[in-house]
Amino acid sequence: MKIVCYQRISTFSELEKNQRFRSLGLWKRFSPNTNFQPFMKILTFLFFIMVFNLSAQEKQSTFTLYKTAYLEKLENSKKYLIAFAEAMPEEYYDFRPAQVEMTFSEQLNHIQQNMEWLSSTYLNKEESELSMITNEKQRIIANLKFSFNAVSKCVQDLKEENLDEKVDFFAGEKNKLQILNLLQDHVTHHRGQLAVYLNLKGIKPPAYTGW
């Protein structure tokens, strides 16, 4: 004669056990000699798959968050720097506060050229086209926009594994994440100097929008 026993999965009253759980399929019939080992192996395997997937999703979420924040910062930095370039009258583009310093236009060109160098050398960005506008102020602003937009496209194409890739930098080996941070920091550094140039000419620097 076959002996059948019932295993309870959740704790409910006896009435619920008979009327509710059985209708919901939460009561299983097992033989006393049932081998649960294969079943437990499957559960263990499914558990590790679930943990791996959750970990991968968390990593992807962090990377997506970083990239979104970086692109927003880059766009705001572009607008903020362009506001500086537009605030200075063209006749003062050759102004320098001291002989050892760059002129206002040289500062802007230096920012643009550094962005081109870092992104094309270390981030696989194609070289941007340069504006041929004869008006110096308009040409510099156009080239700044070209470079910011090109870097933005480059960042959008980055994959998570790219961030940890090592590059041979003149200050020592760096990863691409460090190059991205350096690119932003360099813009901020020289934009701060431009604020001094504007103040020395009696021009109020644009309100901060570089977040």
C-alpha atoms as a PDB file:
ATOM      1  CA  MET A   1       0.000   0.000   0.000  1.00  0.00           C
ATOM      2  CA  LYS A   2       1.364   3.453  -0.979  1.00  0.00           C
ATOM      3  CA  ILE A   3       1.699   5.889   1.912  1.00  0.00           C
ATOM      4  CA  VAL A   4       1.021   9.503   1.111  1.00  0.00           C
ATOM      5  CA  CYS A   5       1.917  12.448   3.368  1.00  0.00           C
ATOM      6  CA  TYR A   6       1.344  16.158   2.999  1.00  0.00           C
ATOM      7  CA  GLN A   7       3.972  18.837   3.508  1.00  0.00           C
ATOM      8  CA  ARG A   8       2.821  22.277   4.580  1.00  0.00           C
ATOM      9  CA  ILE A   9       4.609  25.190   2.854  1.00  0.00           C
ATOM     10  CA  SER A  10       3.102  28.147   4.765  1.00  0.00           C
ATOM     11  CA  THR A  11       1.502  28.462   8.203  1.00  0.00           C
ATOM     12  CA  PHE A  12      -2.300  28.761   8.068  1.00  0.00           C
ATOM     13  CA  SER A  13      -5.225  27.331  10.027  1.00  0.00           C
ATOM     14  CA  GLU A  14      -6.354  23.771   9.386  1.00  0.00           C
ATOM     15  CA  LEU A  15      -9.499  25.048   7.686  1.00  0.00           C
ATOM     16  CA  GLU A  16      -7.462  27.198   5.320  1.00  0.00           C
ATOM     17  CA  LYS A  17      -5.177  24.240   4.709  1.00  0.00           C
ATOM     18  CA  ASN A  18      -8.010  22.072   3.472  1.00  0.00           C
ATOM     19  CA  GLN A  19     -10.089  24.630   1.615  1.00  0.00           C
ATOM     20  CA  ARG A  20      -7.728  27.296   0.383  1.00  0.00           C
ATOM     21  CA  PHE A  21      -4.205  25.999  -0.044  1.00  0.00           C
ATOM     22  CA  ARG A  22      -5.203  22.845  -1.839  1.00  0.00           C
ATOM     23  CA  SER A  23      -7.173  24.880  -4.402  1.00  0.00           C
ATOM     24  CA  LEU A  24      -4.199  27.192  -4.915  1.00  0.00           C
ATOM     25  CA  GLY A  25      -1.779  24.333  -5.421  1.00  0.00           C
ATOM     26  CA  LEU A  26       0.293  25.168  -2.346  1.00  0.00           C
ATOM     27  CA  TRP A  27       0.083  21.647  -0.978  1.00  0.00           C
ATOM     28  CA  LYS A  28       2.288  19.038  -2.559  1.00  0.00           C
ATOM     29  CA  ARG A  29       2.014  15.313  -2.342  1.00  0.00           C
ATOM     30  CA  PHE A  30       5.263  13.516  -1.648  1.00  0.00           C
ATOM     31  CA  SER A  31       6.196   9.875  -1.197  1.00  0.00           C
ATOM     32  CA  PRO A  32       8.253   9.201   1.925  1.00  0.00           C
ATOM     33  CA  ASN A  33      11.044   7.909  -0.343  1.00  0.00           C
ATOM     34  CA  THR A  34      11.133  11.009  -2.580  1.00  0.00           C
ATOM     35  CA  ASN A  35      14.727  12.163  -3.385  1.00  0.00           C
ATOM     36  CA  PHE A  36      14.853  15.934  -3.012  1.00  0.00           C
ATOM     37  CA  GLN A  37      18.534  16.345  -3.940  1.00  0.00           C
ATOM     38  CA  PRO A  38      18.022  17.050  -7.690  1.00  0.00           C
ATOM     39  CA  PHE A  39      15.263  19.508  -6.827  1.00  0.00           C
ATOM     40  CA  MET A  40      17.519  21.360  -4.370  1.00  0.00           C
ATOM     41  CA  LYS A  41      20.335  21.535  -6.959  1.00  0.00           C
ATOM     42  CA  ILE A  42      17.969  23.183  -9.408  1.00  0.00           C
ATOM     43  CA  LEU A  43      16.821  25.683  -6.780  1.00  0.00           C
ATOM     44  CA  THR A  44      20.436  26.492  -5.891  1.00  0.00           C
ATOM     45  CA  PHE A  45      21.316  26.995  -9.553  1.00  0.00           C
ATOM     46  CA  LEU A  46      18.310  29.280 -10.096  1.00  0.00           C
ATOM     47  CA  PHE A  47      19.222  31.249  -6.978  1.00  0.00           C
ATOM     48  CA  PHE A  48      22.751  31.976  -8.209  1.00  0.00           C
ATOM     49  CA  ILE A  49      21.428  32.938 -11.649  1.00  0.00           C
ATOM     50  CA  MET A  50      19.047  35.395  -9.990  1.00  0.00           C
ATOM     51  CA  VAL A  51      21.851  36.910  -7.853  1.00  0.00           C
ATOM     52  CA  PHE A  52      24.127  37.229 -10.913  1.00  0.00           C
ATOM     53  CA  ASN A  53      21.420  38.962 -12.915  1.00  0.00           C
ATOM     54  CA  LEU A  54      20.658  41.375 -10.091  1.00  0.00           C
ATOM     55  CA  SER A  55      24.364  42.186  -9.768  1.00  0.00           C
ATOM     56  CA  ALA A  56      24.680  42.796 -13.513  1.00  0.00           C
ATOM     57  CA  GLN A  57      21.625  45.041 -13.481  1.00  0.00           C
ATOM     58  CA  GLU A  58      23.034  47.016 -10.562  1.00  0.00           C
ATOM     59  CA  LYS A  59      26.348  47.515 -12.387  1.00  0.00           C
ATOM     60  CA  GLN A  60      24.583  48.609 -15.537  1.00  0.00           C
ATOM     61  CA  SER A  61      22.396  50.955 -13.530  1.00  0.00           C
ATOM     62  CA  THR A  62      25.467  52.563 -11.898  1.00  0.00           C
ATOM     63  CA  PHE A  63      27.228  52.982 -15.230  1.00  0.00           C
ATOM     64  CA  THR A  64      24.108  54.453 -16.830  1.00  0.00           C
ATOM     65  CA  LEU A  65      23.772  56.851 -13.910  1.00  0.00           C
ATOM     66  CA  TYR A  66      27.393  57.959 -14.270  1.00  0.00           C
ATOM     67  CA  LYS A  67      27.124  58.462 -18.011  1.00  0.00           C
ATOM     68  CA  THR A  68      23.867  60.408 -17.732  1.00  0.00           C
ATOM     69  CA  ALA A  69      25.319  62.671 -15.028  1.00  0.00           C
ATOM     70  CA  TYR A  70      28.545  63.210 -16.990  1.00  0.00           C
ATOM     71  CA  LEU A  71      26.722  64.147 -20.182  1.00  0.00           C
ATOM     72  CA  GLU A  72      24.487  66.582 -18.322  1.00  0.00           C
ATOM     73  CA  LYS A  73      27.537  68.160 -16.659  1.00  0.00           C
ATOM     74  CA  LEU A  74      29.328  68.390 -20.023  1.00  0.00           C
ATOM     75  CA  GLU A  75      26.375  70.101 -21.690  1.00  0.00           C
ATOM     76  CA  ASN A  76      26.019  72.612 -18.861  1.00  0.00           C
ATOM     77  CA  SER A  77      29.765  73.222 -18.892  1.00  0.00           C
ATOM     78  CA  LYS A  78      29.579  73.972 -22.617  1.00  0.00           C
ATOM     79  CA  LYS A  79      26.768  76.487 -22.178  1.00  0.00           C
ATOM     80  CA  TYR A  80      28.533  78.120 -19.242  1.00  0.00           C
ATOM     81  CA  LEU A  81      31.838  78.485 -21.109  1.00  0.00           C
ATOM     82  CA  ILE A  82      30.118  79.827 -24.224  1.00  0.00           C
ATOM     83  CA  ALA A  83      28.461  82.451 -21.994  1.00  0.00           C
ATOM     84  CA  PHE A  84      31.954  83.574 -20.923  1.00  0.00           C
ATOM     85  CA  ALA A  85      33.133  83.729 -24.532  1.00  0.00           C
ATOM     86  CA  GLU A  86      30.103  85.763 -25.529  1.00  0.00           C
ATOM     87  CA  ALA A  87      30.354  88.127 -22.549  1.00  0.00           C
ATOM     88  CA  MET A  88      33.805  89.431 -23.504  1.00  0.00           C
ATOM     89  CA  PRO A  89      33.688  92.053 -26.297  1.00  0.00           C
ATOM     90  CA  GLU A  90      35.729  91.027 -29.319  1.00  0.00           C
ATOM     91  CA  GLU A  91      38.105  94.000 -28.935  1.00  0.00           C
ATOM     92  CA  TYR A  92      39.271  92.512 -25.621  1.00  0.00           C
ATOM     93  CA  TYR A  93      39.956  89.027 -26.957  1.00  0.00           C
ATOM     94  CA  ASP A  94      43.677  89.877 -27.061  1.00  0.00           C
ATOM     95  CA  PHE A  95      43.649  91.056 -23.431  1.00  0.00           C
ATOM     96  CA  ARG A  96      45.956  89.401 -20.926  1.00  0.00           C
ATOM     97  CA  PRO A  97      46.208  90.385 -17.226  1.00  0.00           C
ATOM     98  CA  ALA A  98      49.982  89.887 -17.186  1.00  0.00           C
ATOM     99  CA  GLN A  99      52.649  89.298 -19.787  1.00  0.00           C
ATOM    100  CA  VAL A 100      53.174  85.713 -18.636  1.00  0.00           C
ATOM    101  CA  GLU A 101      49.495  84.859 -19.080  1.00  0.00           C
ATOM    102  CA  MET A 102      47.616  83.773 -22.194  1.00  0.00           C
ATOM    103  CA  THR A 103      45.244  86.201 -23.859  1.00  0.00           C
ATOM    104  CA  PHE A 104      41.491  85.699 -23.492  1.00  0.00           C
ATOM    105  CA  SER A 105      41.293  84.107 -26.951  1.00  0.00           C
ATOM    106  CA  GLU A 106      44.327  81.902 -26.268  1.00  0.00           C
ATOM    107  CA  GLN A 107      42.655  80.613 -23.098  1.00  0.00           C
ATOM    108  CA  LEU A 108      39.546  79.621 -25.071  1.00  0.00           C
ATOM    109  CA  ASN A 109      41.618  78.018 -27.830  1.00  0.00           C
ATOM    110  CA  HIS A 110      43.644  76.137 -25.219  1.00  0.00           C
ATOM    111  CA  ILE A 111      40.476  74.705 -23.656  1.00  0.00           C
ATOM    112  CA  GLN A 112      39.190  73.575 -27.059  1.00  0.00           C
ATOM    113  CA  GLN A 113      42.523  72.082 -28.140  1.00  0.00           C
ATOM    114  CA  ASN A 114      42.934  70.196 -24.865  1.00  0.00           C
ATOM    115  CA  MET A 115      39.480  68.658 -25.283  1.00  0.00           C
ATOM    116  CA  GLU A 116      40.427  67.577 -28.789  1.00  0.00           C
ATOM    117  CA  TRP A 117      43.735  66.117 -27.652  1.00  0.00           C
ATOM    118  CA  LEU A 118      42.385  64.157 -24.673  1.00  0.00           C
ATOM    119  CA  SER A 119      39.321  62.772 -26.447  1.00  0.00           C
ATOM    120  CA  SER A 120      40.984  61.900 -29.772  1.00  0.00           C
ATOM    121  CA  THR A 121      44.122  60.428 -28.160  1.00  0.00           C
ATOM    122  CA  TYR A 122      42.590  58.494 -25.276  1.00  0.00           C
ATOM    123  CA  LEU A 123      38.854  58.146 -25.957  1.00  0.00           C
ATOM    124  CA  ASN A 124      38.834  57.098 -29.638  1.00  0.00           C
ATOM    125  CA  LYS A 125      37.132  60.272 -30.809  1.00  0.00           C
ATOM    126  CA  GLU A 126      37.462  61.286 -34.427  1.00  0.00           C
ATOM    127  CA  GLU A 127      39.066  64.673 -34.989  1.00  0.00           C
ATOM    128  CA  SER A 128      36.518  67.471 -35.158  1.00  0.00           C
ATOM    129  CA  GLU A 129      36.169  69.805 -38.103  1.00  0.00           C
ATOM    130  CA  LEU A 130      37.366  73.341 -37.396  1.00  0.00           C
ATOM    131  CA  SER A 131      35.404  76.429 -38.304  1.00  0.00           C
ATOM    132  CA  MET A 132      36.884  78.667 -40.993  1.00  0.00           C
ATOM    133  CA  ILE A 133      34.897  81.765 -39.991  1.00  0.00           C
ATOM    134  CA  THR A 134      37.110  84.821 -40.330  1.00  0.00           C
ATOM    135  CA  ASN A 135      35.650  86.596 -37.308  1.00  0.00           C
ATOM    136  CA  GLU A 136      37.851  85.435 -34.401  1.00  0.00           C
ATOM    137  CA  LYS A 137      35.196  85.494 -31.682  1.00  0.00           C
ATOM    138  CA  GLN A 138      32.619  83.666 -33.784  1.00  0.00           C
ATOM    139  CA  ARG A 139      35.214  81.121 -34.948  1.00  0.00           C
ATOM    140  CA  ILE A 140      36.381  80.330 -31.415  1.00  0.00           C
ATOM    141  CA  ILE A 141      32.812  79.894 -30.155  1.00  0.00           C
ATOM    142  CA  ALA A 142      31.932  77.660 -33.112  1.00  0.00           C
ATOM    143  CA  ASN A 143      34.994  75.458 -32.507  1.00  0.00           C
ATOM    144  CA  LEU A 144      34.209  75.170 -28.802  1.00  0.00           C
ATOM    145  CA  LYS A 145      30.715  73.945 -29.640  1.00  0.00           C
ATOM    146  CA  PHE A 146      32.123  71.450 -32.173  1.00  0.00           C
ATOM    147  CA  SER A 147      34.512  69.978 -29.616  1.00  0.00           C
ATOM    148  CA  PHE A 148      32.000  69.774 -26.768  1.00  0.00           C
ATOM    149  CA  ASN A 149      29.471  68.043 -29.032  1.00  0.00           C
ATOM    150  CA  ALA A 150      32.087  65.614 -30.337  1.00  0.00           C
ATOM    151  CA  VAL A 151      33.165  64.671 -26.812  1.00  0.00           C
ATOM    152  CA  SER A 152      29.519  64.173 -25.872  1.00  0.00           C
ATOM    153  CA  LYS A 153      29.067  61.739 -28.761  1.00  0.00           C
ATOM    154  CA  CYS A 154      32.218  59.928 -27.701  1.00  0.00           C
ATOM    155  CA  VAL A 155      30.957  59.514 -24.120  1.00  0.00           C
ATOM    156  CA  GLN A 156      27.590  58.256 -25.352  1.00  0.00           C
ATOM    157  CA  ASP A 157      29.394  55.479 -27.246  1.00  0.00           C
ATOM    158  CA  LEU A 158      31.457  54.360 -24.233  1.00  0.00           C
ATOM    159  CA  LYS A 159      30.804  50.958 -22.695  1.00  0.00           C
ATOM    160  CA  GLU A 160      31.239  50.117 -19.050  1.00  0.00           C
ATOM    161  CA  GLU A 161      34.393  48.071 -19.637  1.00  0.00           C
ATOM    162  CA  ASN A 162      36.022  51.045 -21.388  1.00  0.00           C
ATOM    163  CA  LEU A 163      36.222  53.046 -18.162  1.00  0.00           C
ATOM    164  CA  ASP A 164      38.868  50.777 -16.629  1.00  0.00           C
ATOM    165  CA  GLU A 165      40.995  50.553 -19.782  1.00  0.00           C
ATOM    166  CA  LYS A 166      44.535  51.794 -19.125  1.00  0.00           C
ATOM    167  CA  VAL A 167      46.167  54.478 -21.285  1.00  0.00           C
ATOM    168  CA  ASP A 168      49.747  55.764 -21.405  1.00  0.00           C
ATOM    169  CA  PHE A 169      49.459  59.325 -20.129  1.00  0.00           C
ATOM    170  CA  PHE A 170      52.427  61.724 -19.767  1.00  0.00           C
ATOM    171  CA  ALA A 171      51.787  61.957 -16.007  1.00  0.00           C
ATOM    172  CA  GLY A 172      51.751  58.161 -15.673  1.00  0.00           C
ATOM    173  CA  GLU A 173      49.358  55.342 -16.509  1.00  0.00           C
ATOM    174  CA  LYS A 174      45.697  56.343 -16.154  1.00  0.00           C
ATOM    175  CA  ASN A 175      42.380  54.739 -16.950  1.00  0.00           C
ATOM    176  CA  LYS A 176      39.794  56.296 -19.224  1.00  0.00           C
ATOM    177  CA  LEU A 177      37.578  57.276 -16.307  1.00  0.00           C
ATOM    178  CA  GLN A 178      40.418  59.451 -15.035  1.00  0.00           C
ATOM    179  CA  ILE A 179      40.824  61.004 -18.487  1.00  0.00           C
ATOM    180  CA  LEU A 180      37.120  61.898 -18.538  1.00  0.00           C
ATOM    181  CA  ASN A 181      37.405  63.533 -15.130  1.00  0.00           C
ATOM    182  CA  LEU A 182      40.551  65.380 -16.195  1.00  0.00           C
ATOM    183  CA  LEU A 183      38.789  66.735 -19.270  1.00  0.00           C
ATOM    184  CA  GLN A 184      36.062  68.308 -17.139  1.00  0.00           C
ATOM    185  CA  ASP A 185      38.507  69.569 -14.533  1.00  0.00           C
ATOM    186  CA  HIS A 186      40.700  71.267 -17.144  1.00  0.00           C
ATOM    187  CA  VAL A 187      37.732  73.195 -18.549  1.00  0.00           C
ATOM    188  CA  THR A 188      36.761  74.324 -15.047  1.00  0.00           C
ATOM    189  CA  HIS A 189      40.324  75.407 -14.230  1.00  0.00           C
ATOM    190  CA  HIS A 190      40.701  77.716 -17.230  1.00  0.00           C
ATOM    191  CA  ARG A 191      37.130  78.982 -17.093  1.00  0.00           C
ATOM    192  CA  GLY A 192      37.906  80.198 -13.573  1.00  0.00           C
ATOM    193  CA  GLN A 193      40.818  82.200 -14.983  1.00  0.00           C
ATOM    194  CA  LEU A 194      38.522  83.732 -17.589  1.00  0.00           C
ATOM    195  CA  ALA A 195      36.291  85.032 -14.792  1.00  0.00           C
ATOM    196  CA  VAL A 196      39.266  87.112 -13.618  1.00  0.00           C
ATOM    197  CA  TYR A 197      39.786  88.470 -17.148  1.00  0.00           C
ATOM    198  CA  LEU A 198      36.164  89.614 -17.291  1.00  0.00           C
ATOM    199  CA  ASN A 199      36.288  91.233 -13.866  1.00  0.00           C
ATOM    200  CA  LEU A 200      39.452  93.120 -14.759  1.00  0.00           C
ATOM    201  CA  LYS A 201      37.569  94.597 -17.709  1.00  0.00           C
ATOM    202  CA  GLY A 202      34.633  95.583 -15.510  1.00  0.00           C
ATOM    203  CA  ILE A 203      32.394  92.833 -16.932  1.00  0.00           C
ATOM    204  CA  LYS A 204      30.375  90.708 -14.528  1.00  0.00           C
ATOM    205  CA  PRO A 205      31.005  87.006 -15.223  1.00  0.00           C
ATOM    206  CA  PRO A 206      27.920  84.905 -16.127  1.00  0.00           C
ATOM    207  CA  ALA A 207      25.999  83.361 -13.241  1.00  0.00           C
ATOM    208  CA  TYR A 208      27.098  79.808 -12.499  1.00  0.00           C
ATOM    209  CA  THR A 209      25.280  77.120 -14.474  1.00  0.00           C
ATOM    210  CA  GLY A 210      28.016  74.472 -14.704  1.00  0.00           C
ATOM    211  CA  TRP A 211      26.396  71.832 -12.509  1.00  0.00           C
END
